[in-house]
Amino acid sequence: MLIDLRSDTVTRPTPGMKEAMFSAPVGDDVFGEDPTVNALEEKIANLFGMEAALFCPSGTMTNQIAIRLHTGPQREVICHQYSHIYLYEGGGIMANSLASVKLLTGDLGKITAAQVAESINPDDVHAPETTLVSLENTMNKGGGSIYTLEEIKPIHSLCKEKGIKLHLDGARLFNALVETGESPADWGAHFDTISICLSKGLGCPIGSVLLGSKVDIKRARKVRKVFGGGMRQAGFLAAAGIYALDHHVERLKEDHSRARTLGEMLSKLPVVSEIFPVSTNIVIARLEGTTPEEFMKKLAEQDIKSVKFGKDLVRFVTHLDFGDEHLEEFGRRIGKI
């Protein structure tokens, strides 16, 4: 039995999801004629109380489209130094939007309204114009840490006051929502654009959705075309998203429970000096007396896959294809290393 904990992107479609995909009515989405894509976009826009949505191949694309909408040359985005948009999107902020980036620090990958206020550039010819703040929830590099709505509200108010757009990389937002009990609509009311990934915890094979106003999504559709993201009979893929929204959201709590147990198992190993607080489905272990490479090699010998996450860090992510039997087997195997 292979135990793959590298990411929640390694999941495969369930039988029910496959059935929904194979039976989906389709059309040409670039012409706006795919009924299943249209249904997904309408469904998720309504869920978040936002005007419109755009189905895209990846979360990197939805994030980069949003950045393109809200920035440009001589403009700047504020984000945490560990943000996915900065670390893991191939330098896309510069390559796609020619924008500057101001990086902030903060515990578990989060920033505050006070930090944002101090980082907004003055109206001065020497500085780029601050036009966007981007947040991430849950925070990947923070070990799946959660922003609550109460933390978001002052940042939203500040951005609104200053005329700055606010974007959310919500690749794992549903993981946060099932923990806090907050509604998608509550979050939709506080952001100009939101990116929702379907291929992580929700278990779809592909896809991400960008949410925003009708005006922004109309512009986003053109940017998607420029980025090469226009797909034709994409309803087969969109059907997976509809199925996931109906069947895979509440079950995320199971992933979180298994992650907490997995963290407890890892904490008992002599080479593990710290486990980051486990808020959702991500477990980050800090090592001592060994390197991530050495530790991961021993895990691999037990058919366990993980990811190096820093000079002394290893990440594990629970997901749809990691059940109780895998968790029990994980505990047995790490006892051998």
Protein backbone atom coordinates (compact mmCIF):
# COMPACT_ATOMS: atom_id res chain seq x y z
CA MET A 1 0.00 0.00 0.00
CA LEU A 2 1.50 3.32 -1.08
CA ILE A 3 0.85 6.15 1.36
CA ASP A 4 1.12 9.38 -0.61
CA LEU A 5 1.03 12.46 1.62
CA ARG A 6 2.86 14.87 -0.67
CA SER A 7 -0.26 16.94 -1.36
CA ASP A 8 -4.05 16.84 -1.51
CA THR A 9 -3.62 17.16 -5.28
CA VAL A 10 -2.77 13.46 -5.62
CA THR A 11 -6.39 12.31 -5.26
CA ARG A 12 -8.27 10.47 -7.99
CA PRO A 13 -11.93 10.96 -8.94
CA THR A 14 -14.36 8.81 -6.97
CA PRO A 15 -16.78 6.50 -8.83
CA GLY A 16 -19.60 8.99 -8.26
CA MET A 17 -17.50 11.83 -9.62
CA LYS A 18 -16.52 9.80 -12.68
CA GLU A 19 -20.17 9.02 -13.38
CA ALA A 20 -21.05 12.71 -13.16
CA MET A 21 -18.19 13.58 -15.51
CA PHE A 22 -19.03 10.96 -18.13
CA SER A 23 -22.70 11.92 -18.22
CA ALA A 24 -22.21 15.70 -18.34
CA PRO A 25 -23.76 17.66 -21.22
CA VAL A 26 -21.10 19.76 -22.92
CA GLY A 27 -20.62 22.55 -25.45
CA ASP A 28 -17.90 25.00 -26.44
CA ASP A 29 -16.98 27.00 -23.36
CA VAL A 30 -14.93 29.59 -25.25
CA PHE A 31 -18.20 30.50 -26.96
CA GLY A 32 -19.91 30.37 -23.55
CA GLU A 33 -22.00 27.41 -24.68
CA ASP A 34 -20.99 24.63 -22.29
CA PRO A 35 -24.04 24.13 -20.03
CA THR A 36 -22.11 22.28 -17.33
CA VAL A 37 -19.39 24.92 -17.09
CA ASN A 38 -22.08 27.59 -16.93
CA ALA A 39 -23.86 25.64 -14.19
CA LEU A 40 -20.67 25.33 -12.13
CA GLU A 41 -19.88 29.02 -12.47
CA GLU A 42 -23.42 30.00 -11.48
CA LYS A 43 -23.48 27.54 -8.58
CA ILE A 44 -20.26 28.68 -6.95
CA ALA A 45 -20.94 32.38 -7.58
CA ASN A 46 -24.30 32.01 -5.83
CA LEU A 47 -22.67 30.07 -3.00
CA PHE A 48 -20.29 32.95 -2.30
CA GLY A 49 -22.83 35.67 -3.01
CA MET A 50 -20.65 37.07 -5.79
CA GLU A 51 -21.82 38.24 -9.19
CA ALA A 52 -19.90 35.95 -11.53
CA ALA A 53 -17.31 33.19 -11.82
CA LEU A 54 -14.83 31.85 -14.35
CA PHE A 55 -13.70 28.22 -14.65
CA CYS A 56 -9.97 27.81 -15.34
CA PRO A 57 -7.49 24.94 -15.55
CA SER A 58 -5.52 25.77 -12.38
CA GLY A 59 -5.31 27.82 -9.21
CA THR A 60 -2.12 29.44 -10.46
CA MET A 61 -4.08 30.72 -13.44
CA THR A 62 -6.98 32.09 -11.39
CA ASN A 63 -4.56 33.83 -9.02
CA GLN A 64 -2.51 35.27 -11.86
CA ILE A 65 -5.61 36.48 -13.70
CA ALA A 66 -6.75 38.29 -10.55
CA ILE A 67 -3.33 39.90 -10.12
CA ARG A 68 -3.41 40.98 -13.76
CA LEU A 69 -6.83 42.57 -13.23
CA HIS A 70 -5.77 44.52 -10.16
CA THR A 71 -2.17 45.51 -10.88
CA GLY A 72 0.18 46.26 -13.76
CA PRO A 73 3.40 48.18 -14.44
CA GLN A 74 4.27 50.69 -11.70
CA ARG A 75 1.74 49.05 -9.39
CA GLU A 76 2.34 46.87 -6.35
CA VAL A 77 0.77 43.93 -4.54
CA ILE A 78 1.18 43.39 -0.81
CA CYS A 79 1.34 39.79 0.40
CA HIS A 80 3.03 37.53 2.96
CA GLN A 81 6.54 36.42 2.09
CA TYR A 82 5.37 32.80 2.12
CA SER A 83 2.37 33.36 -0.16
CA HIS A 84 1.75 30.84 -2.91
CA ILE A 85 1.43 33.67 -5.44
CA TYR A 86 5.00 34.70 -4.64
CA LEU A 87 6.77 31.40 -3.98
CA TYR A 88 5.08 28.84 -6.18
CA GLU A 89 3.74 30.51 -9.31
CA GLY A 90 6.92 30.78 -11.34
CA GLY A 91 7.49 34.50 -10.89
CA GLY A 92 4.13 35.12 -12.50
CA ILE A 93 3.49 38.44 -10.78
CA MET A 94 6.35 39.98 -12.71
CA ALA A 95 6.07 37.87 -15.86
CA ASN A 96 2.32 38.30 -16.34
CA SER A 97 1.58 41.68 -14.78
CA LEU A 98 4.93 43.53 -14.61
CA ALA A 99 4.01 44.45 -11.05
CA SER A 100 6.11 45.02 -7.94
CA VAL A 101 5.67 42.97 -4.77
CA LYS A 102 5.97 44.06 -1.15
CA LEU A 103 6.51 41.10 1.17
CA LEU A 104 5.39 41.06 4.80
CA THR A 105 6.19 38.66 7.63
CA GLY A 106 3.82 37.19 10.17
CA ASP A 107 3.23 34.14 12.32
CA LEU A 108 2.02 31.05 10.45
CA GLY A 109 1.87 32.95 7.18
CA LYS A 110 -0.68 35.55 8.25
CA ILE A 111 -0.59 39.35 8.18
CA THR A 112 -2.60 42.04 9.96
CA ALA A 113 -4.37 45.24 9.00
CA ALA A 114 -1.76 47.23 10.93
CA GLN A 115 1.01 45.71 8.83
CA VAL A 116 -0.87 46.42 5.63
CA ALA A 117 -1.49 50.03 6.68
CA GLU A 118 2.23 50.56 7.28
CA SER A 119 3.08 49.03 3.90
CA ILE A 120 0.84 51.10 1.62
CA ASN A 121 3.05 53.33 -0.48
CA PRO A 122 2.59 57.11 -0.37
CA ASP A 123 1.34 58.99 -3.42
CA ASP A 124 4.84 59.72 -4.62
CA VAL A 125 6.58 59.50 -8.00
CA HIS A 126 9.35 57.41 -6.46
CA ALA A 127 7.11 54.53 -5.37
CA PRO A 128 4.81 52.12 -7.21
CA GLU A 129 1.12 52.56 -6.51
CA THR A 130 -0.27 50.03 -4.03
CA THR A 131 -3.32 48.59 -5.78
CA LEU A 132 -3.73 45.09 -4.35
CA VAL A 133 -3.51 43.10 -1.13
CA SER A 134 -3.52 39.32 -1.52
CA LEU A 135 -4.23 36.90 1.32
CA GLU A 136 -4.20 33.08 1.44
CA ASN A 137 -6.61 30.87 3.39
CA THR A 138 -5.72 28.31 4.51
CA MET A 139 -2.06 29.21 4.54
CA ASN A 140 0.03 26.43 3.02
CA LYS A 141 3.41 27.48 4.47
CA GLY A 142 1.73 28.18 7.80
CA GLY A 143 0.80 24.52 8.17
CA GLY A 144 -2.78 24.99 7.01
CA SER A 145 -3.34 27.92 9.37
CA ILE A 146 -6.71 29.67 9.24
CA TYR A 147 -7.69 33.30 8.87
CA THR A 148 -10.99 33.94 10.62
CA LEU A 149 -13.46 36.47 9.28
CA GLU A 150 -12.76 38.69 12.28
CA GLU A 151 -9.12 38.91 11.17
CA ILE A 152 -10.18 39.72 7.61
CA LYS A 153 -12.68 42.48 8.39
CA PRO A 154 -10.16 45.19 9.40
CA ILE A 155 -8.02 44.43 6.34
CA HIS A 156 -11.12 44.66 4.14
CA SER A 157 -12.14 47.98 5.73
CA LEU A 158 -8.66 49.41 5.25
CA CYS A 159 -8.52 48.37 1.59
CA LYS A 160 -11.97 49.80 0.95
CA GLU A 161 -10.98 53.09 2.59
CA LYS A 162 -7.77 53.34 0.54
CA GLY A 163 -9.27 52.18 -2.77
CA ILE A 164 -7.11 49.05 -2.82
CA LYS A 165 -8.39 45.76 -4.20
CA LEU A 166 -8.41 42.67 -1.96
CA HIS A 167 -7.84 39.19 -3.43
CA LEU A 168 -8.06 35.84 -1.69
CA ASP A 169 -6.11 32.78 -2.74
CA GLY A 170 -8.71 30.37 -1.39
CA ALA A 171 -7.14 27.20 -2.74
CA ARG A 172 -8.07 25.51 0.54
CA LEU A 173 -10.75 27.93 1.72
CA PHE A 174 -13.32 25.19 2.25
CA ASN A 175 -10.92 23.54 4.70
CA ALA A 176 -11.06 26.74 6.74
CA LEU A 177 -14.83 27.12 6.48
CA VAL A 178 -15.66 23.64 7.77
CA GLU A 179 -13.53 24.40 10.83
CA THR A 180 -14.82 27.90 11.60
CA GLY A 181 -18.44 27.36 10.58
CA GLU A 182 -18.35 30.59 8.58
CA SER A 183 -20.32 30.72 5.35
CA PRO A 184 -18.91 31.18 1.84
CA ALA A 185 -21.17 34.22 1.42
CA ASP A 186 -19.56 35.88 4.45
CA TRP A 187 -16.22 35.63 2.70
CA GLY A 188 -17.55 36.66 -0.69
CA ALA A 189 -18.71 39.93 0.85
CA HIS A 190 -15.18 40.89 1.89
CA PHE A 191 -13.11 40.33 -1.26
CA ASP A 192 -13.00 41.76 -4.77
CA THR A 193 -11.85 38.43 -6.18
CA ILE A 194 -11.52 34.92 -4.77
CA SER A 195 -9.73 31.92 -6.27
CA ILE A 196 -11.18 28.52 -5.33
CA CYS A 197 -9.24 25.36 -6.20
CA LEU A 198 -11.27 22.26 -7.02
CA SER A 199 -8.35 19.83 -7.34
CA LYS A 200 -7.03 19.91 -3.76
CA GLY A 201 -9.25 18.92 -0.84
CA LEU A 202 -12.35 18.72 -3.01
CA GLY A 203 -10.79 15.90 -4.99
CA CYS A 204 -11.33 16.99 -8.60
CA PRO A 205 -8.82 16.00 -11.29
CA ILE A 206 -8.41 19.56 -12.53
CA GLY A 207 -9.79 23.04 -12.20
CA SER A 208 -10.09 26.28 -10.28
CA VAL A 209 -12.70 29.03 -10.27
CA LEU A 210 -12.19 32.80 -10.06
CA LEU A 211 -15.02 34.74 -8.42
CA GLY A 212 -15.69 38.46 -8.71
CA SER A 213 -17.93 41.16 -10.11
CA LYS A 214 -19.49 40.85 -13.56
CA VAL A 215 -17.14 43.56 -14.81
CA ASP A 216 -14.03 41.84 -13.42
CA ILE A 217 -15.01 38.40 -14.67
CA LYS A 218 -15.72 39.75 -18.15
CA ARG A 219 -12.17 41.13 -18.18
CA ALA A 220 -10.88 37.91 -16.64
CA ARG A 221 -12.36 35.87 -19.48
CA LYS A 222 -10.21 37.83 -21.94
CA VAL A 223 -7.11 37.43 -19.78
CA ARG A 224 -7.78 33.70 -19.51
CA LYS A 225 -7.73 33.51 -23.30
CA VAL A 226 -4.41 35.37 -23.42
CA PHE A 227 -2.97 32.97 -20.81
CA GLY A 228 -4.04 29.97 -22.90
CA GLY A 229 -6.73 28.88 -20.47
CA GLY A 230 -9.73 28.81 -22.77
CA MET A 231 -11.04 25.23 -22.96
CA ARG A 232 -13.67 23.82 -25.30
CA GLN A 233 -15.83 20.92 -24.07
CA ALA A 234 -14.76 21.56 -20.49
CA GLY A 235 -18.07 20.43 -19.01
CA PHE A 236 -16.61 16.99 -18.33
CA LEU A 237 -14.21 18.70 -15.91
CA ALA A 238 -16.72 21.19 -14.55
CA ALA A 239 -19.06 18.32 -13.67
CA ALA A 240 -16.42 17.07 -11.23
CA GLY A 241 -16.51 20.48 -9.55
CA ILE A 242 -20.28 20.42 -9.18
CA TYR A 243 -20.12 16.92 -7.73
CA ALA A 244 -17.38 17.94 -5.29
CA LEU A 245 -19.32 20.95 -4.03
CA ASP A 246 -22.30 18.68 -3.38
CA HIS A 247 -20.45 15.72 -1.83
CA HIS A 248 -16.90 16.54 -0.72
CA VAL A 249 -17.07 19.67 1.42
CA GLU A 250 -18.26 18.41 4.80
CA ARG A 251 -16.02 15.35 4.61
CA LEU A 252 -12.98 17.67 4.81
CA LYS A 253 -13.40 17.41 8.59
CA GLU A 254 -12.29 13.78 8.28
CA ASP A 255 -9.03 14.89 6.67
CA HIS A 256 -8.46 17.34 9.52
CA SER A 257 -9.07 14.71 12.18
CA ARG A 258 -6.63 12.32 10.52
CA ALA A 259 -4.07 15.11 10.20
CA ARG A 260 -4.21 15.78 13.93
CA THR A 261 -3.65 12.10 14.67
CA LEU A 262 -0.85 11.94 12.10
CA GLY A 263 0.82 14.90 13.78
CA GLU A 264 0.63 13.16 17.14
CA MET A 265 2.24 10.05 15.63
CA LEU A 266 5.08 12.08 14.13
CA SER A 267 5.67 14.02 17.35
CA LYS A 268 6.73 10.80 19.08
CA LEU A 269 9.67 10.27 16.72
CA PRO A 270 13.06 11.22 18.25
CA VAL A 271 14.04 13.18 15.13
CA VAL A 272 10.93 15.39 15.25
CA SER A 273 11.47 18.45 17.44
CA GLU A 274 8.26 20.31 16.61
CA ILE A 275 4.92 19.89 14.90
CA PHE A 276 3.35 23.10 13.64
CA PRO A 277 -0.17 23.64 15.04
CA VAL A 278 -2.48 21.38 13.02
CA SER A 279 -5.53 23.45 12.10
CA THR A 280 -6.69 21.65 8.97
CA ASN A 281 -5.18 18.98 6.70
CA ILE A 282 -1.51 20.04 6.62
CA VAL A 283 1.12 18.71 9.02
CA ILE A 284 4.59 20.27 9.08
CA ALA A 285 7.30 18.53 11.09
CA ARG A 286 10.53 20.21 12.17
CA LEU A 287 13.49 17.84 12.36
CA GLU A 288 16.62 17.69 14.49
CA GLY A 289 19.58 15.35 14.17
CA THR A 290 18.72 14.53 10.57
CA THR A 291 17.94 16.24 7.29
CA PRO A 292 14.68 16.27 5.35
CA GLU A 293 16.40 14.25 2.63
CA GLU A 294 17.53 11.54 5.04
CA PHE A 295 14.15 11.42 6.79
CA MET A 296 12.22 11.29 3.54
CA LYS A 297 14.48 8.51 2.25
CA LYS A 298 13.59 6.40 5.28
CA LEU A 299 9.91 7.19 4.74
CA ALA A 300 10.20 6.25 1.07
CA GLU A 301 11.66 2.89 2.09
CA GLN A 302 8.34 2.34 3.87
CA ASP A 303 6.36 3.46 0.78
CA ILE A 304 5.47 6.82 2.37
CA LYS A 305 5.76 9.96 0.26
CA SER A 306 6.17 13.45 1.70
CA VAL A 307 7.61 16.82 0.67
CA LYS A 308 10.61 18.82 1.86
CA PHE A 309 9.31 22.17 3.08
CA GLY A 310 12.42 23.97 4.29
CA LYS A 311 15.94 23.33 5.50
CA ASP A 312 14.62 21.29 8.45
CA LEU A 313 10.94 20.87 7.57
CA VAL A 314 8.87 18.09 5.99
CA ARG A 315 5.21 18.46 5.00
CA PHE A 316 2.43 15.87 5.04
CA VAL A 317 -1.07 16.53 3.64
CA THR A 318 -4.13 14.37 4.30
CA HIS A 319 -6.78 14.01 1.61
CA LEU A 320 -9.69 12.13 0.07
CA ASP A 321 -7.59 9.05 -0.76
CA PHE A 322 -6.07 8.79 2.74
CA GLY A 323 -8.47 6.85 4.95
CA ASP A 324 -8.38 5.34 8.42
CA GLU A 325 -6.67 2.21 7.13
CA HIS A 326 -3.88 4.36 5.65
CA LEU A 327 -3.54 6.26 8.92
CA GLU A 328 -3.19 3.06 10.93
CA GLU A 329 -0.65 1.70 8.47
CA PHE A 330 1.26 5.00 8.60
CA GLY A 331 1.58 4.62 12.35
CA ARG A 332 2.91 1.09 12.00
CA ARG A 333 5.45 2.01 9.34
CA ILE A 334 6.97 5.07 11.00
CA GLY A 335 7.62 2.89 14.02
CA LYS A 336 10.17 1.05 11.87
CA ILE A 337 12.30 4.06 10.92
